[in-house]
Amino acid sequence: MGEQPLSDPSFEVAGEATPLSAVAVAFEELARLLDDGPTDLRIAPFSDACSLVTALFGCLGFAFKFAEMEYVSKVNDLIEASKTYDTLNCILDHDLENDTVRKQGSHSRNLRRVRLGLDLIKALFEQFLSSSECSLKDAASNAYDEVCAPFHAWTIRKAVGAGMYTLPSRDQLLVRLNETDESVEKEMQKYINSCRPVIEYIDNLFLSRNISLDW
């Protein structure tokens, strides 16, 4: 792992940034840096970008409160980790040496949970954009079943299912995001495209160390 660490990208958005456009810009920058060549991803810019995603969970309301709370705590842990470790590679190597990769509260486990949160939002956006007739409830339910349900106990899955009925309508979500039909599609697609290589990078960190992803 001797590659040059990524430098901290700037997440400033020209003009007035919406919560969604700020996230899209941040992940586009991470994806661009990853695309520049083999390198180690620094924890600080990664966790900064991930912290912006919290606002998207907030716009979904009570139904995703469980995900927001877990996600925020895990991102905050990575922010703290950035004060001690430089890159994501470093925290995995440290936990691997100490046999704590899957241990509750370890940085590696928290990274895995943050990755699931990013994937959940990506899957939700993909479902949301699949059809103008797709309700947010259907999009969120399908995304949850695809990404998170396999890792949650039955009681959590049941609670999440009940909470789906409290989700805002498509129009209400646009208002909360401060987006139009046209702009929301553009910004969601930007996030989908740029988040994908970041998720793949994280998965490869585990797989390259012979750590499975089924947890």
N, C-alpha and C. Protein backbone atom coordinates (compact mmCIF):
# COMPACT_ATOMS: atom_id res chain seq x y z
N MET A 1 0.83 -1.20 0.00
CA MET A 1 0.00 0.00 0.00
C MET A 1 0.87 1.26 0.00
N GLY A 2 1.75 1.34 -0.97
CA GLY A 2 2.68 2.44 -0.97
C GLY A 2 2.28 3.58 -1.87
N GLU A 3 1.03 3.59 -2.32
CA GLU A 3 0.59 4.65 -3.23
C GLU A 3 0.51 5.98 -2.50
N GLN A 4 0.48 7.04 -3.27
CA GLN A 4 0.39 8.39 -2.71
C GLN A 4 -1.02 8.65 -2.20
N PRO A 5 -1.18 9.05 -0.93
CA PRO A 5 -2.53 9.35 -0.42
C PRO A 5 -3.17 10.50 -1.18
N LEU A 6 -4.48 10.45 -1.27
CA LEU A 6 -5.21 11.54 -1.90
C LEU A 6 -5.13 12.79 -1.04
N SER A 7 -4.99 13.93 -1.69
CA SER A 7 -5.03 15.19 -0.95
C SER A 7 -6.48 15.53 -0.67
N ASP A 8 -6.71 16.38 0.32
CA ASP A 8 -8.08 16.76 0.68
C ASP A 8 -8.70 17.55 -0.45
N PRO A 9 -9.84 17.09 -1.00
CA PRO A 9 -10.51 17.86 -2.05
C PRO A 9 -11.31 18.99 -1.45
N SER A 10 -11.60 19.99 -2.26
CA SER A 10 -12.46 21.09 -1.81
C SER A 10 -13.89 20.73 -2.14
N PHE A 11 -14.79 20.94 -1.18
CA PHE A 11 -16.18 20.61 -1.40
C PHE A 11 -17.03 21.87 -1.58
N GLU A 12 -16.42 22.98 -1.95
CA GLU A 12 -17.17 24.21 -2.15
C GLU A 12 -17.97 24.10 -3.43
N VAL A 13 -19.17 24.58 -3.40
CA VAL A 13 -20.04 24.55 -4.55
C VAL A 13 -20.29 25.97 -5.01
N ALA A 14 -20.13 26.19 -6.31
CA ALA A 14 -20.35 27.53 -6.83
C ALA A 14 -21.81 27.90 -6.66
N GLY A 15 -22.02 29.13 -6.23
CA GLY A 15 -23.39 29.59 -6.05
C GLY A 15 -24.02 29.00 -4.81
N GLU A 16 -25.33 28.93 -4.83
CA GLU A 16 -26.10 28.43 -3.69
C GLU A 16 -26.25 26.92 -3.81
N ALA A 17 -25.68 26.18 -2.89
CA ALA A 17 -25.74 24.72 -2.96
C ALA A 17 -26.96 24.20 -2.24
N THR A 18 -27.64 23.24 -2.84
CA THR A 18 -28.70 22.51 -2.16
C THR A 18 -28.05 21.33 -1.45
N PRO A 19 -28.75 20.71 -0.50
CA PRO A 19 -28.17 19.54 0.17
C PRO A 19 -27.75 18.45 -0.82
N LEU A 20 -28.58 18.23 -1.83
CA LEU A 20 -28.30 17.19 -2.81
C LEU A 20 -27.12 17.56 -3.72
N SER A 21 -27.07 18.80 -4.17
CA SER A 21 -25.98 19.19 -5.06
C SER A 21 -24.64 19.20 -4.32
N ALA A 22 -24.66 19.54 -3.03
CA ALA A 22 -23.43 19.52 -2.24
C ALA A 22 -22.88 18.10 -2.14
N VAL A 23 -23.78 17.15 -1.92
CA VAL A 23 -23.37 15.74 -1.85
C VAL A 23 -22.83 15.29 -3.20
N ALA A 24 -23.53 15.64 -4.27
CA ALA A 24 -23.11 15.23 -5.61
C ALA A 24 -21.71 15.75 -5.95
N VAL A 25 -21.46 17.01 -5.63
CA VAL A 25 -20.15 17.60 -5.90
C VAL A 25 -19.06 16.90 -5.09
N ALA A 26 -19.34 16.63 -3.82
CA ALA A 26 -18.35 16.00 -2.95
C ALA A 26 -17.95 14.62 -3.47
N PHE A 27 -18.94 13.83 -3.87
CA PHE A 27 -18.63 12.48 -4.34
C PHE A 27 -18.07 12.48 -5.76
N GLU A 28 -18.43 13.45 -6.56
CA GLU A 28 -17.79 13.58 -7.87
C GLU A 28 -16.30 13.84 -7.70
N GLU A 29 -15.94 14.64 -6.71
CA GLU A 29 -14.53 14.93 -6.46
C GLU A 29 -13.79 13.68 -5.97
N LEU A 30 -14.40 12.93 -5.07
CA LEU A 30 -13.78 11.69 -4.62
C LEU A 30 -13.60 10.72 -5.79
N ALA A 31 -14.64 10.59 -6.62
CA ALA A 31 -14.56 9.68 -7.76
C ALA A 31 -13.49 10.13 -8.75
N ARG A 32 -13.37 11.43 -8.95
CA ARG A 32 -12.36 11.95 -9.87
C ARG A 32 -10.96 11.62 -9.37
N LEU A 33 -10.75 11.79 -8.07
CA LEU A 33 -9.44 11.51 -7.51
C LEU A 33 -9.12 10.01 -7.57
N LEU A 34 -10.11 9.19 -7.35
CA LEU A 34 -9.89 7.75 -7.47
C LEU A 34 -9.59 7.37 -8.91
N ASP A 35 -10.21 8.08 -9.85
CA ASP A 35 -10.02 7.78 -11.27
C ASP A 35 -8.65 8.21 -11.77
N ASP A 36 -7.97 9.08 -11.01
CA ASP A 36 -6.66 9.57 -11.43
C ASP A 36 -5.59 8.48 -11.36
N GLY A 37 -5.85 7.43 -10.64
CA GLY A 37 -4.88 6.34 -10.58
C GLY A 37 -4.88 5.66 -9.23
N PRO A 38 -4.11 4.55 -9.10
CA PRO A 38 -4.03 3.82 -7.83
C PRO A 38 -3.57 4.74 -6.70
N THR A 39 -4.31 4.75 -5.64
CA THR A 39 -3.97 5.63 -4.53
C THR A 39 -4.70 5.20 -3.26
N ASP A 40 -4.28 5.74 -2.14
CA ASP A 40 -4.96 5.50 -0.88
C ASP A 40 -5.94 6.65 -0.63
N LEU A 41 -7.13 6.31 -0.23
CA LEU A 41 -8.14 7.34 0.05
C LEU A 41 -8.00 7.81 1.48
N ARG A 42 -7.79 9.10 1.64
CA ARG A 42 -7.63 9.66 2.98
C ARG A 42 -8.97 9.67 3.71
N ILE A 43 -8.90 9.44 5.03
CA ILE A 43 -10.12 9.36 5.83
C ILE A 43 -10.81 10.72 5.92
N ALA A 44 -10.04 11.79 6.07
CA ALA A 44 -10.64 13.11 6.30
C ALA A 44 -11.56 13.55 5.17
N PRO A 45 -11.10 13.57 3.90
CA PRO A 45 -12.01 14.00 2.83
C PRO A 45 -13.17 13.04 2.62
N PHE A 46 -12.91 11.76 2.84
CA PHE A 46 -13.98 10.76 2.71
C PHE A 46 -15.07 11.00 3.75
N SER A 47 -14.68 11.17 5.00
CA SER A 47 -15.67 11.37 6.06
C SER A 47 -16.36 12.73 5.92
N ASP A 48 -15.66 13.73 5.41
CA ASP A 48 -16.29 15.02 5.15
C ASP A 48 -17.41 14.87 4.12
N ALA A 49 -17.13 14.14 3.05
CA ALA A 49 -18.15 13.92 2.03
C ALA A 49 -19.32 13.12 2.59
N CYS A 50 -19.01 12.10 3.38
CA CYS A 50 -20.06 11.27 3.96
C CYS A 50 -20.94 12.05 4.92
N SER A 51 -20.37 13.01 5.62
CA SER A 51 -21.15 13.79 6.58
C SER A 51 -22.24 14.60 5.88
N LEU A 52 -22.00 14.98 4.62
CA LEU A 52 -23.00 15.74 3.87
C LEU A 52 -24.24 14.90 3.57
N VAL A 53 -24.06 13.58 3.50
CA VAL A 53 -25.18 12.68 3.18
C VAL A 53 -26.22 12.67 4.30
N THR A 54 -25.80 13.04 5.51
CA THR A 54 -26.72 13.07 6.65
C THR A 54 -27.96 13.90 6.35
N ALA A 55 -27.78 15.01 5.64
CA ALA A 55 -28.91 15.89 5.32
C ALA A 55 -29.94 15.16 4.45
N LEU A 56 -29.48 14.23 3.62
CA LEU A 56 -30.41 13.49 2.77
C LEU A 56 -31.26 12.54 3.60
N PHE A 57 -30.64 11.87 4.57
CA PHE A 57 -31.41 11.03 5.48
C PHE A 57 -32.45 11.87 6.22
N GLY A 58 -32.05 13.07 6.63
CA GLY A 58 -32.96 13.95 7.36
C GLY A 58 -34.19 14.32 6.55
N CYS A 59 -34.01 14.48 5.23
CA CYS A 59 -35.13 14.84 4.36
C CYS A 59 -36.15 13.71 4.22
N LEU A 60 -35.74 12.49 4.56
CA LEU A 60 -36.64 11.34 4.43
C LEU A 60 -37.53 11.16 5.66
N GLY A 61 -37.22 11.88 6.73
CA GLY A 61 -38.08 11.88 7.90
C GLY A 61 -37.94 10.67 8.79
N PHE A 62 -39.00 10.37 9.54
CA PHE A 62 -38.99 9.36 10.59
C PHE A 62 -38.64 7.97 10.08
N ALA A 63 -39.08 7.63 8.87
CA ALA A 63 -38.87 6.29 8.34
C ALA A 63 -37.40 5.89 8.30
N PHE A 64 -36.54 6.87 8.09
CA PHE A 64 -35.11 6.57 7.98
C PHE A 64 -34.33 7.10 9.17
N LYS A 65 -35.04 7.39 10.26
CA LYS A 65 -34.36 7.89 11.45
C LYS A 65 -33.37 6.87 11.99
N PHE A 66 -33.76 5.58 11.92
CA PHE A 66 -32.87 4.51 12.39
C PHE A 66 -31.56 4.54 11.61
N ALA A 67 -31.67 4.72 10.29
CA ALA A 67 -30.48 4.72 9.44
C ALA A 67 -29.65 5.98 9.67
N GLU A 68 -30.36 7.10 9.85
CA GLU A 68 -29.65 8.37 10.08
C GLU A 68 -28.83 8.31 11.36
N MET A 69 -29.43 7.82 12.43
CA MET A 69 -28.73 7.79 13.72
C MET A 69 -27.51 6.88 13.67
N GLU A 70 -27.69 5.71 13.08
CA GLU A 70 -26.56 4.78 12.96
C GLU A 70 -25.49 5.35 12.06
N TYR A 71 -25.92 5.91 10.94
CA TYR A 71 -24.99 6.46 9.96
C TYR A 71 -24.17 7.60 10.57
N VAL A 72 -24.84 8.52 11.25
CA VAL A 72 -24.15 9.67 11.84
C VAL A 72 -23.10 9.23 12.86
N SER A 73 -23.45 8.27 13.70
CA SER A 73 -22.50 7.81 14.73
C SER A 73 -21.27 7.17 14.09
N LYS A 74 -21.48 6.44 12.98
CA LYS A 74 -20.36 5.78 12.31
C LYS A 74 -19.48 6.79 11.59
N VAL A 75 -20.10 7.78 10.96
CA VAL A 75 -19.31 8.82 10.28
C VAL A 75 -18.50 9.62 11.31
N ASN A 76 -19.12 9.94 12.44
CA ASN A 76 -18.41 10.66 13.49
C ASN A 76 -17.20 9.87 13.99
N ASP A 77 -17.35 8.54 14.05
CA ASP A 77 -16.23 7.70 14.46
C ASP A 77 -15.09 7.81 13.46
N LEU A 78 -15.41 7.83 12.17
CA LEU A 78 -14.37 7.95 11.15
C LEU A 78 -13.71 9.33 11.19
N ILE A 79 -14.49 10.35 11.50
CA ILE A 79 -13.91 11.69 11.65
C ILE A 79 -12.90 11.70 12.78
N GLU A 80 -13.24 11.04 13.88
CA GLU A 80 -12.30 10.92 15.00
C GLU A 80 -11.09 10.09 14.60
N ALA A 81 -11.32 9.04 13.84
CA ALA A 81 -10.22 8.18 13.40
C ALA A 81 -9.22 8.93 12.52
N SER A 82 -9.72 9.93 11.79
CA SER A 82 -8.83 10.69 10.89
C SER A 82 -7.78 11.48 11.66
N LYS A 83 -7.99 11.66 12.97
CA LYS A 83 -7.01 12.37 13.79
C LYS A 83 -5.82 11.47 14.15
N THR A 84 -6.02 10.16 14.00
CA THR A 84 -4.98 9.19 14.34
C THR A 84 -4.42 8.48 13.11
N TYR A 85 -5.33 8.17 12.16
CA TYR A 85 -4.94 7.43 10.96
C TYR A 85 -5.11 8.31 9.73
N ASP A 86 -4.27 8.08 8.74
CA ASP A 86 -4.30 8.92 7.55
C ASP A 86 -5.28 8.43 6.50
N THR A 87 -5.26 7.14 6.22
CA THR A 87 -6.05 6.59 5.12
C THR A 87 -6.97 5.47 5.58
N LEU A 88 -7.93 5.12 4.72
CA LEU A 88 -8.81 3.99 5.01
C LEU A 88 -8.02 2.69 5.07
N ASN A 89 -6.99 2.60 4.26
CA ASN A 89 -6.12 1.42 4.31
C ASN A 89 -5.52 1.24 5.70
N CYS A 90 -5.14 2.35 6.32
CA CYS A 90 -4.50 2.29 7.63
C CYS A 90 -5.41 1.69 8.69
N ILE A 91 -6.69 2.08 8.69
CA ILE A 91 -7.57 1.57 9.74
C ILE A 91 -7.87 0.09 9.53
N LEU A 92 -7.97 -0.34 8.26
CA LEU A 92 -8.19 -1.77 8.03
C LEU A 92 -6.96 -2.58 8.43
N ASP A 93 -5.79 -2.08 8.10
CA ASP A 93 -4.56 -2.78 8.47
C ASP A 93 -4.43 -2.89 9.99
N HIS A 94 -4.76 -1.80 10.68
CA HIS A 94 -4.68 -1.79 12.14
C HIS A 94 -5.65 -2.82 12.74
N ASP A 95 -6.90 -2.83 12.26
CA ASP A 95 -7.89 -3.76 12.81
C ASP A 95 -7.57 -5.20 12.42
N LEU A 96 -6.99 -5.38 11.25
CA LEU A 96 -6.62 -6.73 10.84
C LEU A 96 -5.52 -7.28 11.74
N GLU A 97 -4.54 -6.44 12.05
CA GLU A 97 -3.44 -6.84 12.93
C GLU A 97 -3.94 -7.18 14.33
N ASN A 98 -5.00 -6.48 14.77
CA ASN A 98 -5.51 -6.68 16.13
C ASN A 98 -6.75 -7.57 16.17
N ASP A 99 -7.09 -8.16 15.02
CA ASP A 99 -8.24 -9.06 14.93
C ASP A 99 -9.53 -8.38 15.41
N THR A 100 -9.72 -7.12 15.01
CA THR A 100 -10.90 -6.36 15.43
C THR A 100 -11.72 -5.84 14.25
N VAL A 101 -11.49 -6.39 13.06
CA VAL A 101 -12.19 -5.89 11.88
C VAL A 101 -13.70 -5.91 12.07
N ARG A 102 -14.22 -7.02 12.58
CA ARG A 102 -15.68 -7.15 12.73
C ARG A 102 -16.15 -6.83 14.14
N LYS A 103 -15.28 -6.41 14.98
CA LYS A 103 -15.64 -6.13 16.37
C LYS A 103 -16.54 -4.90 16.45
N GLN A 104 -17.58 -5.00 17.29
CA GLN A 104 -18.49 -3.87 17.48
C GLN A 104 -17.71 -2.63 17.88
N GLY A 105 -17.93 -1.53 17.15
CA GLY A 105 -17.27 -0.27 17.46
C GLY A 105 -15.93 -0.06 16.79
N SER A 106 -15.40 -1.07 16.09
CA SER A 106 -14.11 -0.89 15.41
C SER A 106 -14.29 0.04 14.22
N HIS A 107 -13.21 0.71 13.83
CA HIS A 107 -13.28 1.64 12.70
C HIS A 107 -13.63 0.89 11.41
N SER A 108 -13.11 -0.31 11.26
CA SER A 108 -13.39 -1.09 10.05
C SER A 108 -14.86 -1.46 9.96
N ARG A 109 -15.43 -1.87 11.09
CA ARG A 109 -16.86 -2.20 11.11
C ARG A 109 -17.70 -0.95 10.82
N ASN A 110 -17.30 0.17 11.39
CA ASN A 110 -18.03 1.42 11.16
C ASN A 110 -17.91 1.86 9.70
N LEU A 111 -16.75 1.64 9.10
CA LEU A 111 -16.58 1.94 7.67
C LEU A 111 -17.54 1.09 6.85
N ARG A 112 -17.67 -0.16 7.21
CA ARG A 112 -18.59 -1.06 6.51
C ARG A 112 -20.02 -0.55 6.61
N ARG A 113 -20.42 -0.05 7.78
CA ARG A 113 -21.78 0.45 7.97
C ARG A 113 -22.00 1.78 7.21
N VAL A 114 -20.99 2.62 7.17
CA VAL A 114 -21.10 3.86 6.40
C VAL A 114 -21.26 3.53 4.92
N ARG A 115 -20.51 2.54 4.47
CA ARG A 115 -20.62 2.12 3.07
C ARG A 115 -22.04 1.66 2.76
N LEU A 116 -22.67 0.95 3.69
CA LEU A 116 -24.06 0.51 3.49
C LEU A 116 -25.00 1.71 3.40
N GLY A 117 -24.74 2.73 4.21
CA GLY A 117 -25.56 3.94 4.16
C GLY A 117 -25.46 4.64 2.83
N LEU A 118 -24.25 4.73 2.29
CA LEU A 118 -24.06 5.35 0.97
C LEU A 118 -24.78 4.55 -0.11
N ASP A 119 -24.70 3.23 0.01
CA ASP A 119 -25.34 2.35 -0.97
C ASP A 119 -26.85 2.43 -0.86
N LEU A 120 -27.37 2.59 0.36
CA LEU A 120 -28.81 2.71 0.55
C LEU A 120 -29.36 3.94 -0.16
N ILE A 121 -28.68 5.08 -0.01
CA ILE A 121 -29.11 6.30 -0.70
C ILE A 121 -28.99 6.13 -2.20
N LYS A 122 -27.93 5.50 -2.67
CA LYS A 122 -27.75 5.27 -4.10
C LYS A 122 -28.89 4.42 -4.66
N ALA A 123 -29.20 3.32 -3.96
CA ALA A 123 -30.27 2.43 -4.41
C ALA A 123 -31.62 3.14 -4.40
N LEU A 124 -31.85 3.96 -3.38
CA LEU A 124 -33.10 4.71 -3.30
C LEU A 124 -33.22 5.66 -4.50
N PHE A 125 -32.13 6.37 -4.82
CA PHE A 125 -32.15 7.29 -5.96
C PHE A 125 -32.40 6.52 -7.27
N GLU A 126 -31.76 5.36 -7.40
CA GLU A 126 -31.95 4.57 -8.62
C GLU A 126 -33.41 4.16 -8.77
N GLN A 127 -34.02 3.74 -7.67
CA GLN A 127 -35.43 3.37 -7.71
C GLN A 127 -36.31 4.59 -8.01
N PHE A 128 -35.99 5.70 -7.37
CA PHE A 128 -36.77 6.94 -7.51
C PHE A 128 -36.77 7.42 -8.96
N LEU A 129 -35.63 7.27 -9.64
CA LEU A 129 -35.50 7.75 -11.02
C LEU A 129 -35.97 6.73 -12.05
N SER A 130 -36.28 5.51 -11.58
CA SER A 130 -36.64 4.45 -12.53
C SER A 130 -37.96 4.73 -13.24
N SER A 131 -38.83 5.49 -12.57
CA SER A 131 -40.13 5.81 -13.16
C SER A 131 -40.73 7.01 -12.46
N SER A 132 -41.36 7.87 -13.23
CA SER A 132 -42.02 9.03 -12.63
C SER A 132 -43.22 8.61 -11.81
N GLU A 133 -43.66 7.37 -11.99
CA GLU A 133 -44.80 6.85 -11.25
C GLU A 133 -44.37 6.16 -9.95
N CYS A 134 -43.07 5.99 -9.76
CA CYS A 134 -42.58 5.30 -8.57
C CYS A 134 -42.69 6.21 -7.35
N SER A 135 -43.43 5.78 -6.35
CA SER A 135 -43.58 6.59 -5.14
C SER A 135 -42.30 6.49 -4.31
N LEU A 136 -42.12 7.46 -3.43
CA LEU A 136 -40.94 7.42 -2.57
C LEU A 136 -41.01 6.20 -1.65
N LYS A 137 -42.21 5.83 -1.23
CA LYS A 137 -42.38 4.65 -0.38
C LYS A 137 -41.89 3.40 -1.09
N ASP A 138 -42.28 3.23 -2.35
CA ASP A 138 -41.84 2.06 -3.10
C ASP A 138 -40.33 2.09 -3.32
N ALA A 139 -39.82 3.27 -3.66
CA ALA A 139 -38.38 3.41 -3.91
C ALA A 139 -37.58 3.08 -2.66
N ALA A 140 -38.02 3.62 -1.52
CA ALA A 140 -37.31 3.41 -0.27
C ALA A 140 -37.43 1.96 0.20
N SER A 141 -38.61 1.37 0.05
CA SER A 141 -38.81 -0.02 0.47
C SER A 141 -37.93 -0.96 -0.33
N ASN A 142 -37.90 -0.77 -1.64
CA ASN A 142 -37.08 -1.62 -2.50
C ASN A 142 -35.60 -1.44 -2.20
N ALA A 143 -35.19 -0.19 -1.96
CA ALA A 143 -33.78 0.09 -1.65
C ALA A 143 -33.38 -0.56 -0.33
N TYR A 144 -34.25 -0.44 0.67
CA TYR A 144 -33.95 -1.03 1.98
C TYR A 144 -33.86 -2.55 1.87
N ASP A 145 -34.81 -3.16 1.17
CA ASP A 145 -34.81 -4.62 1.02
C ASP A 145 -33.54 -5.09 0.32
N GLU A 146 -33.06 -4.30 -0.62
CA GLU A 146 -31.88 -4.67 -1.41
C GLU A 146 -30.59 -4.52 -0.62
N VAL A 147 -30.47 -3.41 0.13
CA VAL A 147 -29.17 -3.06 0.72
C VAL A 147 -29.05 -3.45 2.19
N CYS A 148 -30.04 -3.10 2.99
CA CYS A 148 -29.89 -3.21 4.45
C CYS A 148 -30.60 -4.40 5.08
N ALA A 149 -31.75 -4.78 4.54
CA ALA A 149 -32.55 -5.84 5.17
C ALA A 149 -31.76 -7.13 5.44
N PRO A 150 -30.87 -7.55 4.52
CA PRO A 150 -30.13 -8.79 4.79
C PRO A 150 -29.27 -8.75 6.05
N PHE A 151 -28.97 -7.55 6.55
CA PHE A 151 -28.10 -7.42 7.71
C PHE A 151 -28.86 -7.05 8.99
N HIS A 152 -30.19 -6.91 8.88
CA HIS A 152 -30.99 -6.48 10.03
C HIS A 152 -31.86 -7.61 10.56
N ALA A 153 -32.08 -7.60 11.86
CA ALA A 153 -32.96 -8.58 12.49
C ALA A 153 -34.41 -8.32 12.09
N TRP A 154 -35.25 -9.32 12.31
CA TRP A 154 -36.65 -9.22 11.90
C TRP A 154 -37.35 -8.05 12.57
N THR A 155 -37.07 -7.79 13.84
CA THR A 155 -37.73 -6.70 14.55
C THR A 155 -37.41 -5.35 13.91
N ILE A 156 -36.16 -5.18 13.47
CA ILE A 156 -35.79 -3.92 12.83
C ILE A 156 -36.46 -3.80 11.46
N ARG A 157 -36.47 -4.91 10.72
CA ARG A 157 -37.11 -4.88 9.40
C ARG A 157 -38.59 -4.54 9.52
N LYS A 158 -39.25 -5.08 10.54
CA LYS A 158 -40.68 -4.80 10.75
C LYS A 158 -40.90 -3.33 11.08
N ALA A 159 -40.06 -2.77 11.94
CA ALA A 159 -40.18 -1.37 12.33
C ALA A 159 -39.95 -0.44 11.13
N VAL A 160 -38.96 -0.81 10.33
CA VAL A 160 -38.67 -0.01 9.13
C VAL A 160 -39.85 -0.05 8.17
N GLY A 161 -40.43 -1.23 7.99
CA GLY A 161 -41.58 -1.37 7.10
C GLY A 161 -42.74 -0.49 7.53
N ALA A 162 -42.99 -0.43 8.84
CA ALA A 162 -44.07 0.42 9.35
C ALA A 162 -43.75 1.89 9.13
N GLY A 163 -42.50 2.25 9.28
CA GLY A 163 -42.10 3.64 9.12
C GLY A 163 -42.18 4.14 7.69
N MET A 164 -42.17 3.24 6.72
CA MET A 164 -42.23 3.63 5.32
C MET A 164 -43.50 4.42 4.99
N TYR A 165 -44.55 4.19 5.79
CA TYR A 165 -45.81 4.89 5.52
C TYR A 165 -45.75 6.36 5.94
N THR A 166 -44.69 6.76 6.60
CA THR A 166 -44.55 8.16 7.03
C THR A 166 -43.69 8.96 6.06
N LEU A 167 -43.20 8.31 5.02
CA LEU A 167 -42.33 9.01 4.07
C LEU A 167 -43.07 10.13 3.35
N PRO A 168 -42.37 11.21 3.00
CA PRO A 168 -43.02 12.29 2.25
C PRO A 168 -43.36 11.84 0.83
N SER A 169 -44.23 12.57 0.17
CA SER A 169 -44.54 12.29 -1.23
C SER A 169 -43.37 12.75 -2.09
N ARG A 170 -43.41 12.43 -3.38
CA ARG A 170 -42.36 12.88 -4.29
C ARG A 170 -42.26 14.40 -4.26
N ASP A 171 -43.42 15.08 -4.34
CA ASP A 171 -43.42 16.55 -4.37
C ASP A 171 -42.88 17.12 -3.05
N GLN A 172 -43.26 16.51 -1.94
CA GLN A 172 -42.76 16.98 -0.64
C GLN A 172 -41.25 16.81 -0.54
N LEU A 173 -40.74 15.70 -1.09
CA LEU A 173 -39.29 15.48 -1.05
C LEU A 173 -38.56 16.54 -1.86
N LEU A 174 -39.11 16.90 -3.01
CA LEU A 174 -38.48 17.94 -3.84
C LEU A 174 -38.42 19.26 -3.08
N VAL A 175 -39.46 19.57 -2.35
CA VAL A 175 -39.48 20.81 -1.56
C VAL A 175 -38.41 20.75 -0.48
N ARG A 176 -38.31 19.61 0.22
CA ARG A 176 -37.32 19.47 1.30
C ARG A 176 -35.90 19.56 0.76
N LEU A 177 -35.69 19.04 -0.45
CA LEU A 177 -34.36 19.06 -1.06
C LEU A 177 -34.09 20.38 -1.77
N ASN A 178 -35.13 21.21 -1.92
CA ASN A 178 -35.02 22.47 -2.66
C ASN A 178 -34.61 22.22 -4.11
N GLU A 179 -35.26 21.21 -4.72
CA GLU A 179 -34.97 20.83 -6.09
C GLU A 179 -36.24 20.85 -6.93
N THR A 180 -36.07 20.89 -8.26
CA THR A 180 -37.17 20.75 -9.20
C THR A 180 -37.14 19.34 -9.78
N ASP A 181 -38.14 18.99 -10.58
CA ASP A 181 -38.14 17.67 -11.23
C ASP A 181 -36.88 17.50 -12.08
N GLU A 182 -36.49 18.56 -12.76
CA GLU A 182 -35.33 18.48 -13.65
C GLU A 182 -34.02 18.41 -12.85
N SER A 183 -33.89 19.29 -11.87
CA SER A 183 -32.62 19.35 -11.13
C SER A 183 -32.41 18.13 -10.25
N VAL A 184 -33.50 17.58 -9.69
CA VAL A 184 -33.34 16.43 -8.80
C VAL A 184 -32.83 15.22 -9.58
N GLU A 185 -33.32 15.06 -10.79
CA GLU A 185 -32.85 13.94 -11.61
C GLU A 185 -31.37 14.09 -11.94
N LYS A 186 -30.98 15.30 -12.27
CA LYS A 186 -29.58 15.57 -12.61
C LYS A 186 -28.66 15.30 -11.42
N GLU A 187 -29.03 15.83 -10.24
CA GLU A 187 -28.16 15.70 -9.07
C GLU A 187 -28.16 14.27 -8.51
N MET A 188 -29.33 13.62 -8.53
CA MET A 188 -29.36 12.23 -8.07
C MET A 188 -28.50 11.34 -8.96
N GLN A 189 -28.57 11.57 -10.27
CA GLN A 189 -27.76 10.77 -11.19
C GLN A 189 -26.27 11.02 -10.99
N LYS A 190 -25.92 12.26 -10.69
CA LYS A 190 -24.52 12.56 -10.39
C LYS A 190 -24.04 11.77 -9.18
N TYR A 191 -24.87 11.72 -8.14
CA TYR A 191 -24.49 10.97 -6.94
C TYR A 191 -24.38 9.48 -7.26
N ILE A 192 -25.34 8.94 -7.98
CA ILE A 192 -25.32 7.52 -8.33
C ILE A 192 -24.02 7.17 -9.05
N ASN A 193 -23.69 7.98 -10.06
CA ASN A 193 -22.50 7.70 -10.87
C ASN A 193 -21.20 7.84 -10.09
N SER A 194 -21.13 8.84 -9.21
CA SER A 194 -19.88 9.10 -8.49
C SER A 194 -19.74 8.24 -7.24
N CYS A 195 -20.86 7.84 -6.66
CA CYS A 195 -20.82 7.00 -5.46
C CYS A 195 -20.39 5.58 -5.79
N ARG A 196 -20.74 5.13 -6.98
CA ARG A 196 -20.45 3.74 -7.36
C ARG A 196 -18.96 3.39 -7.25
N PRO A 197 -18.04 4.18 -7.83
CA PRO A 197 -16.62 3.83 -7.69
C PRO A 197 -16.10 3.96 -6.26
N VAL A 198 -16.70 4.83 -5.46
CA VAL A 198 -16.28 4.96 -4.06
C VAL A 198 -16.66 3.70 -3.29
N ILE A 199 -17.88 3.21 -3.53
CA ILE A 199 -18.33 1.97 -2.89
C ILE A 199 -17.46 0.79 -3.33
N GLU A 200 -17.16 0.74 -4.62
CA GLU A 200 -16.31 -0.34 -5.14
C GLU A 200 -14.93 -0.29 -4.51
N TYR A 201 -14.41 0.91 -4.32
CA TYR A 201 -13.10 1.07 -3.69
C TYR A 201 -13.11 0.50 -2.27
N ILE A 202 -14.15 0.85 -1.51
CA ILE A 202 -14.26 0.36 -0.13
C ILE A 202 -14.38 -1.16 -0.12
N ASP A 203 -15.23 -1.71 -0.98
CA ASP A 203 -15.39 -3.16 -1.05
C ASP A 203 -14.06 -3.84 -1.34
N ASN A 204 -13.29 -3.27 -2.26
CA ASN A 204 -12.00 -3.86 -2.64
C ASN A 204 -10.99 -3.81 -1.50
N LEU A 205 -11.12 -2.81 -0.61
CA LEU A 205 -10.24 -2.76 0.56
C LEU A 205 -10.42 -4.02 1.41
N PHE A 206 -11.67 -4.43 1.58
CA PHE A 206 -11.96 -5.63 2.37
C PHE A 206 -11.59 -6.90 1.60
N LEU A 207 -12.02 -6.96 0.34
CA LEU A 207 -11.79 -8.16 -0.45
C LEU A 207 -10.32 -8.43 -0.68
N SER A 208 -9.52 -7.37 -0.83
CA SER A 208 -8.09 -7.54 -1.05
C SER A 208 -7.39 -8.14 0.16
N ARG A 209 -8.06 -8.08 1.31
CA ARG A 209 -7.53 -8.66 2.55
C ARG A 209 -8.26 -9.96 2.90
N ASN A 210 -8.97 -10.49 1.91
CA ASN A 210 -9.72 -11.74 2.10
C ASN A 210 -10.77 -11.63 3.20
N ILE A 211 -11.38 -10.44 3.29
CA ILE A 211 -12.47 -10.20 4.24
C ILE A 211 -13.76 -10.18 3.44
N SER A 212 -14.68 -11.08 3.75
CA SER A 212 -15.94 -11.17 3.01
C SER A 212 -16.80 -9.94 3.29
N LEU A 213 -17.83 -9.77 2.47
CA LEU A 213 -18.71 -8.61 2.61
C LEU A 213 -20.09 -8.98 3.14
N ASP A 214 -20.25 -10.19 3.64
CA ASP A 214 -21.57 -10.67 4.05
C ASP A 214 -21.83 -10.42 5.54
N TRP A 215 -21.54 -9.21 6.01
CA TRP A 215 -21.76 -8.90 7.41
C TRP A 215 -22.05 -7.41 7.58
